[in-house]
Amino acid sequence: MFTILTKKELAPGIKLFEFDAPLIARKAKPGQFVVLRINETGERIPLTIADTKKDKGILVIVVQEVGKSTKLLGTLNQNDSIIDLIGPLGKPSEIEKYGTVACIGGGVGTPEIYPVARALKEKGNKVVSIVGARSKNLLIMEQEMKSVSDELYITTDDGTYGKKGLVTSELKRLIDEGVKIDCIFAVGPVIMMKAVCDTTRPYNIKTIVSLNPIMLDATGMCGVCRVDVGGETKFACVDGPEFDGHKVDFDLLTKRLRTYLKEEKESVDLFNKQSCGCGCKGN
């Protein structure tokens, strides 16, 4: 059992959890992820590690309540426990001295890019970060990103904070103004990462993305998380989750992510009915 030490709401439907997980916290590196299971009948949920406090044995994850399992996790509180938490999984980010690195986070991709940006800064890189959200009230971890960035740019789709527009608009502006970017790390929705890669491809800027396909065992055995990278089949759980974005078949990834949309919606609808408090029990 793994105990929740802290729970915070970062934004509507987005929560931060600190778990007592000393073995995982001690070994975790930027870019890696964990898989958790809430109870014996629960599904396995892959979640990128947002931070660790190695000296205290604390693992930090940030969760957006989208499906049934993440909504159920969101109902847990401090001192509650989950049954399984395994990791760290996947290959760590390639932290090197690149020069000037752009770290781009979209939505709940920001907690995932944060430890990467911090490690890149500690390595001696100049870190230029671009963080985007749909609206000001959904923007998270601004101060954390500011603390590890030489420059931080904020965008919101509706213009309620920072620059109105997408992260790619700000990225394109920097490139057009002559900012020399040696490497880019981008984490966020698939459509955002694809747009970042489309923006950087003409300039031949190395662009690393963290993929989030459907995943099951997370050990490379089931093949559920397969993605097409450069015409080759890769497993995100053991070969990634980070890949060269210019080689990723984002259209295939998007199609595979939509495989169980109908079943996912039915599961969420049933969960919402059972949790509504009206006594309907989902009938």
C-alpha atoms as a PDB file:
ATOM      1  CA  MET A   1       0.000   0.000   0.000  1.00  0.00           C
ATOM      2  CA  PHE A   2       1.170   3.529  -0.796  1.00  0.00           C
ATOM      3  CA  THR A   3      -0.053   6.398   1.344  1.00  0.00           C
ATOM      4  CA  ILE A   4      -1.038   9.854   0.118  1.00  0.00           C
ATOM      5  CA  LEU A   5       0.929  12.367   2.181  1.00  0.00           C
ATOM      6  CA  THR A   6      -0.357  15.518   0.507  1.00  0.00           C
ATOM      7  CA  LYS A   7      -3.131  16.427  -1.904  1.00  0.00           C
ATOM      8  CA  LYS A   8      -3.507  19.827  -3.553  1.00  0.00           C
ATOM      9  CA  GLU A   9      -5.847  21.173  -6.209  1.00  0.00           C
ATOM     10  CA  LEU A  10      -3.742  23.065  -8.752  1.00  0.00           C
ATOM     11  CA  ALA A  11      -6.646  23.974 -11.026  1.00  0.00           C
ATOM     12  CA  PRO A  12     -10.185  22.752 -11.693  1.00  0.00           C
ATOM     13  CA  GLY A  13      -9.925  18.993 -12.265  1.00  0.00           C
ATOM     14  CA  ILE A  14      -6.131  18.962 -11.814  1.00  0.00           C
ATOM     15  CA  LYS A  15      -4.659  17.633  -8.576  1.00  0.00           C
ATOM     16  CA  LEU A  16      -1.184  17.109  -7.170  1.00  0.00           C
ATOM     17  CA  PHE A  17      -0.453  14.091  -4.982  1.00  0.00           C
ATOM     18  CA  GLU A  18       2.589  13.352  -2.861  1.00  0.00           C
ATOM     19  CA  PHE A  19       3.028   9.645  -2.146  1.00  0.00           C
ATOM     20  CA  ASP A  20       5.209   7.900   0.390  1.00  0.00           C
ATOM     21  CA  ALA A  21       7.332   5.888  -2.056  1.00  0.00           C
ATOM     22  CA  PRO A  22      11.003   6.029  -0.981  1.00  0.00           C
ATOM     23  CA  LEU A  23      12.336   3.310  -3.296  1.00  0.00           C
ATOM     24  CA  ILE A  24      10.820   4.933  -6.393  1.00  0.00           C
ATOM     25  CA  ALA A  25      11.750   8.460  -5.317  1.00  0.00           C
ATOM     26  CA  ARG A  26      15.355   7.448  -4.765  1.00  0.00           C
ATOM     27  CA  LYS A  27      15.822   6.058  -8.281  1.00  0.00           C
ATOM     28  CA  ALA A  28      13.539   8.253 -10.400  1.00  0.00           C
ATOM     29  CA  LYS A  29      15.030  10.479 -13.092  1.00  0.00           C
ATOM     30  CA  PRO A  30      13.485  13.214 -15.272  1.00  0.00           C
ATOM     31  CA  GLY A  31      11.273  11.876 -18.044  1.00  0.00           C
ATOM     32  CA  GLN A  32      10.361   8.622 -16.325  1.00  0.00           C
ATOM     33  CA  PHE A  33       6.910   7.518 -15.234  1.00  0.00           C
ATOM     34  CA  VAL A  34       5.059   5.262 -12.816  1.00  0.00           C
ATOM     35  CA  VAL A  35       2.025   3.025 -13.084  1.00  0.00           C
ATOM     36  CA  LEU A  36      -0.490   3.048 -10.265  1.00  0.00           C
ATOM     37  CA  ARG A  37      -3.566   1.015  -9.391  1.00  0.00           C
ATOM     38  CA  ILE A  38      -6.053   2.381  -6.908  1.00  0.00           C
ATOM     39  CA  ASN A  39      -7.648  -0.878  -5.774  1.00  0.00           C
ATOM     40  CA  GLU A  40      -7.817  -4.559  -6.661  1.00  0.00           C
ATOM     41  CA  THR A  41     -10.358  -4.036  -9.447  1.00  0.00           C
ATOM     42  CA  GLY A  42      -8.804  -0.822 -10.759  1.00  0.00           C
ATOM     43  CA  GLU A  43      -7.040  -0.296 -14.056  1.00  0.00           C
ATOM     44  CA  ARG A  44      -3.340   0.460 -14.359  1.00  0.00           C
ATOM     45  CA  ILE A  45      -2.735   4.179 -14.938  1.00  0.00           C
ATOM     46  CA  PRO A  46       0.602   5.433 -16.348  1.00  0.00           C
ATOM     47  CA  LEU A  47       1.569   8.858 -15.007  1.00  0.00           C
ATOM     48  CA  THR A  48       4.739  10.851 -15.556  1.00  0.00           C
ATOM     49  CA  ILE A  49       6.735  11.745 -12.457  1.00  0.00           C
ATOM     50  CA  ALA A  50       6.349  15.468 -11.744  1.00  0.00           C
ATOM     51  CA  ASP A  51       8.951  15.649  -8.985  1.00  0.00           C
ATOM     52  CA  THR A  52      10.649  13.756  -6.178  1.00  0.00           C
ATOM     53  CA  LYS A  53      11.870  14.615  -2.715  1.00  0.00           C
ATOM     54  CA  LYS A  54      14.517  11.959  -2.437  1.00  0.00           C
ATOM     55  CA  ASP A  55      15.595  12.817   1.106  1.00  0.00           C
ATOM     56  CA  LYS A  56      12.020  12.386   2.339  1.00  0.00           C
ATOM     57  CA  GLY A  57      11.101   9.460   0.085  1.00  0.00           C
ATOM     58  CA  ILE A  58       8.309  11.425  -1.570  1.00  0.00           C
ATOM     59  CA  LEU A  59       7.035  10.901  -5.109  1.00  0.00           C
ATOM     60  CA  VAL A  60       5.014  13.710  -6.733  1.00  0.00           C
ATOM     61  CA  ILE A  61       2.492  13.196  -9.521  1.00  0.00           C
ATOM     62  CA  VAL A  62      -0.049  15.520 -11.095  1.00  0.00           C
ATOM     63  CA  VAL A  63      -3.340  14.107 -12.354  1.00  0.00           C
ATOM     64  CA  GLN A  64      -6.033  15.553 -14.592  1.00  0.00           C
ATOM     65  CA  GLU A  65      -9.419  14.001 -13.912  1.00  0.00           C
ATOM     66  CA  VAL A  66     -10.523  12.777 -17.336  1.00  0.00           C
ATOM     67  CA  GLY A  67     -11.468   9.105 -17.159  1.00  0.00           C
ATOM     68  CA  LYS A  68     -13.092   6.982 -14.477  1.00  0.00           C
ATOM     69  CA  SER A  69      -9.837   5.994 -12.783  1.00  0.00           C
ATOM     70  CA  THR A  70      -8.396   9.494 -12.601  1.00  0.00           C
ATOM     71  CA  LYS A  71     -11.728  10.789 -11.290  1.00  0.00           C
ATOM     72  CA  LEU A  72     -11.700   8.059  -8.642  1.00  0.00           C
ATOM     73  CA  LEU A  73      -8.136   8.957  -7.700  1.00  0.00           C
ATOM     74  CA  GLY A  74      -9.280  12.555  -7.354  1.00  0.00           C
ATOM     75  CA  THR A  75     -11.723  11.525  -4.626  1.00  0.00           C
ATOM     76  CA  LEU A  76      -8.921  10.232  -2.386  1.00  0.00           C
ATOM     77  CA  ASN A  77      -7.462  12.427   0.316  1.00  0.00           C
ATOM     78  CA  GLN A  78      -4.468  12.748   2.596  1.00  0.00           C
ATOM     79  CA  ASN A  79      -3.760   9.523   4.518  1.00  0.00           C
ATOM     80  CA  ASP A  80      -5.737   7.411   2.020  1.00  0.00           C
ATOM     81  CA  SER A  81      -3.795   4.658   0.260  1.00  0.00           C
ATOM     82  CA  ILE A  82      -3.632   2.989  -3.143  1.00  0.00           C
ATOM     83  CA  ILE A  83      -2.789  -0.653  -3.649  1.00  0.00           C
ATOM     84  CA  ASP A  84      -0.030  -0.489  -6.295  1.00  0.00           C
ATOM     85  CA  LEU A  85       2.603   1.976  -7.441  1.00  0.00           C
ATOM     86  CA  ILE A  86       5.444   0.709  -9.631  1.00  0.00           C
ATOM     87  CA  GLY A  87       8.381   2.499 -11.146  1.00  0.00           C
ATOM     88  CA  PRO A  88      10.407   4.307 -12.176  1.00  0.00           C
ATOM     89  CA  LEU A  89       9.624   3.086 -15.689  1.00  0.00           C
ATOM     90  CA  GLY A  90      10.798   4.110 -19.124  1.00  0.00           C
ATOM     91  CA  LYS A  91      14.058   5.670 -20.236  1.00  0.00           C
ATOM     92  CA  PRO A  92      15.145   8.907 -18.563  1.00  0.00           C
ATOM     93  CA  SER A  93      15.409  12.104 -20.592  1.00  0.00           C
ATOM     94  CA  GLU A  94      18.701  12.647 -22.417  1.00  0.00           C
ATOM     95  CA  ILE A  95      20.073  15.452 -20.265  1.00  0.00           C
ATOM     96  CA  GLU A  96      23.103  16.922 -22.008  1.00  0.00           C
ATOM     97  CA  LYS A  97      24.791  20.279 -22.519  1.00  0.00           C
ATOM     98  CA  TYR A  98      22.953  21.362 -25.673  1.00  0.00           C
ATOM     99  CA  GLY A  99      23.304  25.124 -25.359  1.00  0.00           C
ATOM    100  CA  THR A 100      19.934  26.835 -25.520  1.00  0.00           C
ATOM    101  CA  VAL A 101      17.015  24.504 -24.873  1.00  0.00           C
ATOM    102  CA  ALA A 102      13.323  25.309 -25.241  1.00  0.00           C
ATOM    103  CA  CYS A 103      11.090  23.422 -22.806  1.00  0.00           C
ATOM    104  CA  ILE A 104       7.451  23.501 -23.873  1.00  0.00           C
ATOM    105  CA  GLY A 105       4.587  22.353 -21.680  1.00  0.00           C
ATOM    106  CA  GLY A 106       0.925  22.300 -22.612  1.00  0.00           C
ATOM    107  CA  GLY A 107      -1.767  21.784 -19.964  1.00  0.00           C
ATOM    108  CA  VAL A 108      -0.796  18.928 -17.652  1.00  0.00           C
ATOM    109  CA  GLY A 109       2.333  18.495 -19.743  1.00  0.00           C
ATOM    110  CA  THR A 110       3.845  21.295 -17.641  1.00  0.00           C
ATOM    111  CA  PRO A 111       4.415  19.136 -14.522  1.00  0.00           C
ATOM    112  CA  GLU A 112       6.073  16.582 -16.781  1.00  0.00           C
ATOM    113  CA  ILE A 113       8.429  19.082 -18.420  1.00  0.00           C
ATOM    114  CA  TYR A 114       9.349  20.701 -15.089  1.00  0.00           C
ATOM    115  CA  PRO A 115      11.903  18.094 -13.852  1.00  0.00           C
ATOM    116  CA  VAL A 116      13.386  17.966 -17.359  1.00  0.00           C
ATOM    117  CA  ALA A 117      13.810  21.747 -17.464  1.00  0.00           C
ATOM    118  CA  ARG A 118      15.379  21.717 -14.003  1.00  0.00           C
ATOM    119  CA  ALA A 119      17.872  19.012 -14.967  1.00  0.00           C
ATOM    120  CA  LEU A 120      18.767  20.818 -18.186  1.00  0.00           C
ATOM    121  CA  LYS A 121      19.366  24.027 -16.224  1.00  0.00           C
ATOM    122  CA  GLU A 122      21.548  22.190 -13.712  1.00  0.00           C
ATOM    123  CA  LYS A 123      23.544  20.811 -16.650  1.00  0.00           C
ATOM    124  CA  GLY A 124      24.447  24.353 -17.679  1.00  0.00           C
ATOM    125  CA  ASN A 125      21.976  24.936 -20.499  1.00  0.00           C
ATOM    126  CA  LYS A 126      20.113  28.160 -21.099  1.00  0.00           C
ATOM    127  CA  VAL A 127      16.483  27.180 -20.598  1.00  0.00           C
ATOM    128  CA  VAL A 128      13.756  29.038 -22.453  1.00  0.00           C
ATOM    129  CA  SER A 129      10.362  27.745 -21.362  1.00  0.00           C
ATOM    130  CA  ILE A 130       6.971  28.165 -23.002  1.00  0.00           C
ATOM    131  CA  VAL A 131       3.941  27.107 -20.993  1.00  0.00           C
ATOM    132  CA  GLY A 132       0.415  27.067 -22.374  1.00  0.00           C
ATOM    133  CA  ALA A 133      -3.110  26.481 -21.097  1.00  0.00           C
ATOM    134  CA  ARG A 134      -6.636  26.951 -22.383  1.00  0.00           C
ATOM    135  CA  SER A 135      -7.322  29.687 -19.832  1.00  0.00           C
ATOM    136  CA  LYS A 136      -5.690  31.423 -16.865  1.00  0.00           C
ATOM    137  CA  ASN A 137      -7.561  29.280 -14.333  1.00  0.00           C
ATOM    138  CA  LEU A 138      -6.052  26.127 -15.894  1.00  0.00           C
ATOM    139  CA  LEU A 139      -2.462  27.363 -15.875  1.00  0.00           C
ATOM    140  CA  ILE A 140      -0.368  25.374 -13.406  1.00  0.00           C
ATOM    141  CA  MET A 141       3.169  25.406 -11.983  1.00  0.00           C
ATOM    142  CA  GLU A 142       4.069  28.827 -13.332  1.00  0.00           C
ATOM    143  CA  GLN A 143       6.344  29.664 -10.399  1.00  0.00           C
ATOM    144  CA  GLU A 144       8.062  26.269 -10.511  1.00  0.00           C
ATOM    145  CA  MET A 145       8.828  26.713 -14.213  1.00  0.00           C
ATOM    146  CA  LYS A 146      10.010  30.268 -13.626  1.00  0.00           C
ATOM    147  CA  SER A 147      12.478  29.029 -11.005  1.00  0.00           C
ATOM    148  CA  VAL A 148      14.246  26.728 -13.494  1.00  0.00           C
ATOM    149  CA  SER A 149      14.050  28.930 -16.597  1.00  0.00           C
ATOM    150  CA  ASP A 150      16.198  31.772 -17.876  1.00  0.00           C
ATOM    151  CA  GLU A 151      13.166  32.994 -19.780  1.00  0.00           C
ATOM    152  CA  LEU A 152       9.518  31.997 -19.350  1.00  0.00           C
ATOM    153  CA  TYR A 153       6.699  32.747 -21.778  1.00  0.00           C
ATOM    154  CA  ILE A 154       3.031  32.073 -21.017  1.00  0.00           C
ATOM    155  CA  THR A 155       0.247  31.578 -23.553  1.00  0.00           C
ATOM    156  CA  THR A 156      -3.483  31.009 -23.129  1.00  0.00           C
ATOM    157  CA  ASP A 157      -5.936  30.057 -25.838  1.00  0.00           C
ATOM    158  CA  ASP A 158      -8.431  32.710 -24.747  1.00  0.00           C
ATOM    159  CA  GLY A 159      -5.937  35.448 -23.890  1.00  0.00           C
ATOM    160  CA  THR A 160      -6.907  35.653 -20.218  1.00  0.00           C
ATOM    161  CA  TYR A 161      -3.224  35.513 -19.213  1.00  0.00           C
ATOM    162  CA  GLY A 162       0.092  35.931 -20.986  1.00  0.00           C
ATOM    163  CA  LYS A 163       0.017  35.998 -24.772  1.00  0.00           C
ATOM    164  CA  LYS A 164      -3.190  35.006 -26.525  1.00  0.00           C
ATOM    165  CA  GLY A 165      -2.548  32.020 -28.734  1.00  0.00           C
ATOM    166  CA  LEU A 166      -0.778  28.689 -28.759  1.00  0.00           C
ATOM    167  CA  VAL A 167       2.676  27.689 -27.564  1.00  0.00           C
ATOM    168  CA  THR A 168       3.682  27.224 -31.191  1.00  0.00           C
ATOM    169  CA  SER A 169       2.958  30.894 -31.925  1.00  0.00           C
ATOM    170  CA  GLU A 170       5.408  31.961 -29.233  1.00  0.00           C
ATOM    171  CA  LEU A 171       7.950  29.381 -30.389  1.00  0.00           C
ATOM    172  CA  LYS A 172       7.692  30.601 -33.980  1.00  0.00           C
ATOM    173  CA  ARG A 173       8.112  34.201 -32.819  1.00  0.00           C
ATOM    174  CA  LEU A 174      11.325  33.364 -30.988  1.00  0.00           C
ATOM    175  CA  ILE A 175      12.725  31.494 -33.977  1.00  0.00           C
ATOM    176  CA  ASP A 176      11.777  34.297 -36.388  1.00  0.00           C
ATOM    177  CA  GLU A 177      13.437  36.849 -34.103  1.00  0.00           C
ATOM    178  CA  GLY A 178      16.690  34.957 -34.439  1.00  0.00           C
ATOM    179  CA  VAL A 179      16.839  33.134 -31.121  1.00  0.00           C
ATOM    180  CA  LYS A 180      19.157  30.170 -31.688  1.00  0.00           C
ATOM    181  CA  ILE A 181      17.543  27.103 -30.160  1.00  0.00           C
ATOM    182  CA  ASP A 182      19.691  23.987 -30.111  1.00  0.00           C
ATOM    183  CA  CYS A 183      17.132  21.489 -28.826  1.00  0.00           C
ATOM    184  CA  ILE A 184      13.476  21.363 -27.803  1.00  0.00           C
ATOM    185  CA  PHE A 185      11.643  19.192 -25.285  1.00  0.00           C
ATOM    186  CA  ALA A 186       7.844  19.266 -25.593  1.00  0.00           C
ATOM    187  CA  VAL A 187       5.191  17.568 -23.466  1.00  0.00           C
ATOM    188  CA  GLY A 188       1.451  17.997 -23.759  1.00  0.00           C
ATOM    189  CA  PRO A 189      -1.565  16.918 -25.798  1.00  0.00           C
ATOM    190  CA  VAL A 190      -0.713  14.972 -28.949  1.00  0.00           C
ATOM    191  CA  ILE A 191      -2.045  17.735 -31.184  1.00  0.00           C
ATOM    192  CA  MET A 192       0.246  20.235 -29.438  1.00  0.00           C
ATOM    193  CA  MET A 193       3.352  18.081 -29.749  1.00  0.00           C
ATOM    194  CA  LYS A 194       2.603  17.463 -33.421  1.00  0.00           C
ATOM    195  CA  ALA A 195       2.233  21.212 -33.986  1.00  0.00           C
ATOM    196  CA  VAL A 196       5.558  21.874 -32.250  1.00  0.00           C
ATOM    197  CA  CYS A 197       7.262  19.327 -34.499  1.00  0.00           C
ATOM    198  CA  ASP A 198       5.645  20.823 -37.605  1.00  0.00           C
ATOM    199  CA  THR A 199       6.975  24.208 -36.496  1.00  0.00           C
ATOM    200  CA  THR A 200      10.547  23.059 -35.887  1.00  0.00           C
ATOM    201  CA  ARG A 201      10.948  20.644 -38.780  1.00  0.00           C
ATOM    202  CA  PRO A 202      11.726  23.321 -41.437  1.00  0.00           C
ATOM    203  CA  TYR A 203      14.494  24.653 -39.169  1.00  0.00           C
ATOM    204  CA  ASN A 204      15.903  21.198 -38.411  1.00  0.00           C
ATOM    205  CA  ILE A 205      15.781  21.843 -34.650  1.00  0.00           C
ATOM    206  CA  LYS A 206      16.050  18.621 -32.664  1.00  0.00           C
ATOM    207  CA  THR A 207      12.654  18.128 -30.996  1.00  0.00           C
ATOM    208  CA  ILE A 208      12.016  15.530 -28.296  1.00  0.00           C
ATOM    209  CA  VAL A 209       8.437  14.628 -27.350  1.00  0.00           C
ATOM    210  CA  SER A 210       7.021  12.441 -24.576  1.00  0.00           C
ATOM    211  CA  LEU A 211       4.336  10.106 -25.931  1.00  0.00           C
ATOM    212  CA  ASN A 212       1.242   8.969 -24.064  1.00  0.00           C
ATOM    213  CA  PRO A 213      -0.245   5.986 -25.906  1.00  0.00           C
ATOM    214  CA  ILE A 214      -2.642   3.494 -24.356  1.00  0.00           C
ATOM    215  CA  MET A 215      -0.542   1.361 -22.016  1.00  0.00           C
ATOM    216  CA  LEU A 216      -1.131  -1.857 -20.099  1.00  0.00           C
ATOM    217  CA  ASP A 217       1.740  -3.793 -18.517  1.00  0.00           C
ATOM    218  CA  ALA A 218       4.407  -1.076 -19.052  1.00  0.00           C
ATOM    219  CA  THR A 219       7.179  -3.691 -19.317  1.00  0.00           C
ATOM    220  CA  GLY A 220       7.345  -4.158 -23.090  1.00  0.00           C
ATOM    221  CA  MET A 221       5.501  -7.484 -23.130  1.00  0.00           C
ATOM    222  CA  CYS A 222       1.937  -6.693 -24.260  1.00  0.00           C
ATOM    223  CA  GLY A 223       2.654  -4.307 -27.153  1.00  0.00           C
ATOM    224  CA  VAL A 224      -0.368  -2.118 -26.406  1.00  0.00           C
ATOM    225  CA  CYS A 225       1.738   1.063 -26.279  1.00  0.00           C
ATOM    226  CA  ARG A 226       3.336   0.563 -29.696  1.00  0.00           C
ATOM    227  CA  VAL A 227       4.045   3.672 -31.724  1.00  0.00           C
ATOM    228  CA  ASP A 228       5.550   4.234 -35.152  1.00  0.00           C
ATOM    229  CA  VAL A 229       8.846   6.131 -35.014  1.00  0.00           C
ATOM    230  CA  GLY A 230      10.785   6.526 -38.233  1.00  0.00           C
ATOM    231  CA  GLY A 231       8.879   3.648 -39.813  1.00  0.00           C
ATOM    232  CA  GLU A 232       9.778   1.300 -36.971  1.00  0.00           C
ATOM    233  CA  THR A 233       7.533  -0.042 -34.228  1.00  0.00           C
ATOM    234  CA  LYS A 234       8.600   1.119 -30.798  1.00  0.00           C
ATOM    235  CA  PHE A 235       7.117   0.472 -27.369  1.00  0.00           C
ATOM    236  CA  ALA A 236       6.651   3.716 -25.449  1.00  0.00           C
ATOM    237  CA  CYS A 237       7.021   1.962 -22.102  1.00  0.00           C
ATOM    238  CA  VAL A 238      10.551   0.614 -22.657  1.00  0.00           C
ATOM    239  CA  ASP A 239      11.864   2.421 -25.750  1.00  0.00           C
ATOM    240  CA  GLY A 240      10.455   5.773 -24.599  1.00  0.00           C
ATOM    241  CA  PRO A 241       8.402   7.566 -23.526  1.00  0.00           C
ATOM    242  CA  GLU A 242      10.578  10.206 -25.241  1.00  0.00           C
ATOM    243  CA  PHE A 243      11.247  10.049 -28.965  1.00  0.00           C
ATOM    244  CA  ASP A 244      12.482  12.196 -31.828  1.00  0.00           C
ATOM    245  CA  GLY A 245       9.293  14.081 -32.632  1.00  0.00           C
ATOM    246  CA  HIS A 246      10.193  14.524 -36.292  1.00  0.00           C
ATOM    247  CA  LYS A 247      10.015  10.747 -36.729  1.00  0.00           C
ATOM    248  CA  VAL A 248       6.768  10.075 -34.835  1.00  0.00           C
ATOM    249  CA  ASP A 249       3.626   9.115 -36.773  1.00  0.00           C
ATOM    250  CA  PHE A 250       1.265  11.363 -34.818  1.00  0.00           C
ATOM    251  CA  ASP A 251      -1.732  10.500 -36.993  1.00  0.00           C
ATOM    252  CA  LEU A 252      -1.429   6.814 -36.100  1.00  0.00           C
ATOM    253  CA  LEU A 253      -0.911   7.683 -32.437  1.00  0.00           C
ATOM    254  CA  THR A 254      -4.063   9.815 -32.455  1.00  0.00           C
ATOM    255  CA  LYS A 255      -6.042   7.046 -34.103  1.00  0.00           C
ATOM    256  CA  ARG A 256      -4.903   4.478 -31.548  1.00  0.00           C
ATOM    257  CA  LEU A 257      -5.728   6.803 -28.658  1.00  0.00           C
ATOM    258  CA  ARG A 258      -9.315   6.954 -29.911  1.00  0.00           C
ATOM    259  CA  THR A 259      -9.730   3.146 -29.936  1.00  0.00           C
ATOM    260  CA  TYR A 260     -11.758   2.939 -26.712  1.00  0.00           C
ATOM    261  CA  LEU A 261     -13.417   6.350 -26.642  1.00  0.00           C
ATOM    262  CA  LYS A 262     -16.912   4.822 -26.560  1.00  0.00           C
ATOM    263  CA  GLU A 263     -16.083   2.496 -23.671  1.00  0.00           C
ATOM    264  CA  GLU A 264     -14.243   5.258 -21.807  1.00  0.00           C
ATOM    265  CA  LYS A 265     -17.252   7.550 -22.071  1.00  0.00           C
ATOM    266  CA  GLU A 266     -19.600   4.835 -20.848  1.00  0.00           C
ATOM    267  CA  SER A 267     -17.314   4.143 -17.882  1.00  0.00           C
ATOM    268  CA  VAL A 268     -17.158   7.843 -16.931  1.00  0.00           C
ATOM    269  CA  ASP A 269     -20.927   8.245 -17.286  1.00  0.00           C
ATOM    270  CA  LEU A 270     -21.529   5.266 -15.001  1.00  0.00           C
ATOM    271  CA  PHE A 271     -19.025   6.554 -12.471  1.00  0.00           C
ATOM    272  CA  ASN A 272     -20.643   9.986 -12.466  1.00  0.00           C
ATOM    273  CA  LYS A 273     -24.080   8.448 -11.887  1.00  0.00           C
ATOM    274  CA  GLN A 274     -22.803   6.297  -9.031  1.00  0.00           C
ATOM    275  CA  SER A 275     -21.112   9.316  -7.475  1.00  0.00           C
ATOM    276  CA  CYS A 276     -23.938  11.805  -7.888  1.00  0.00           C
ATOM    277  CA  GLY A 277     -25.376  11.169  -4.415  1.00  0.00           C
ATOM    278  CA  CYS A 278     -28.927  10.717  -5.676  1.00  0.00           C
ATOM    279  CA  GLY A 279     -29.061   6.998  -4.872  1.00  0.00           C
ATOM    280  CA  CYS A 280     -29.517   5.953  -8.497  1.00  0.00           C
ATOM    281  CA  LYS A 281     -26.519   3.547  -8.347  1.00  0.00           C
ATOM    282  CA  GLY A 282     -25.922   4.063 -12.055  1.00  0.00           C
ATOM    283  CA  ASN A 283     -29.346   2.742 -13.147  1.00  0.00           C
END
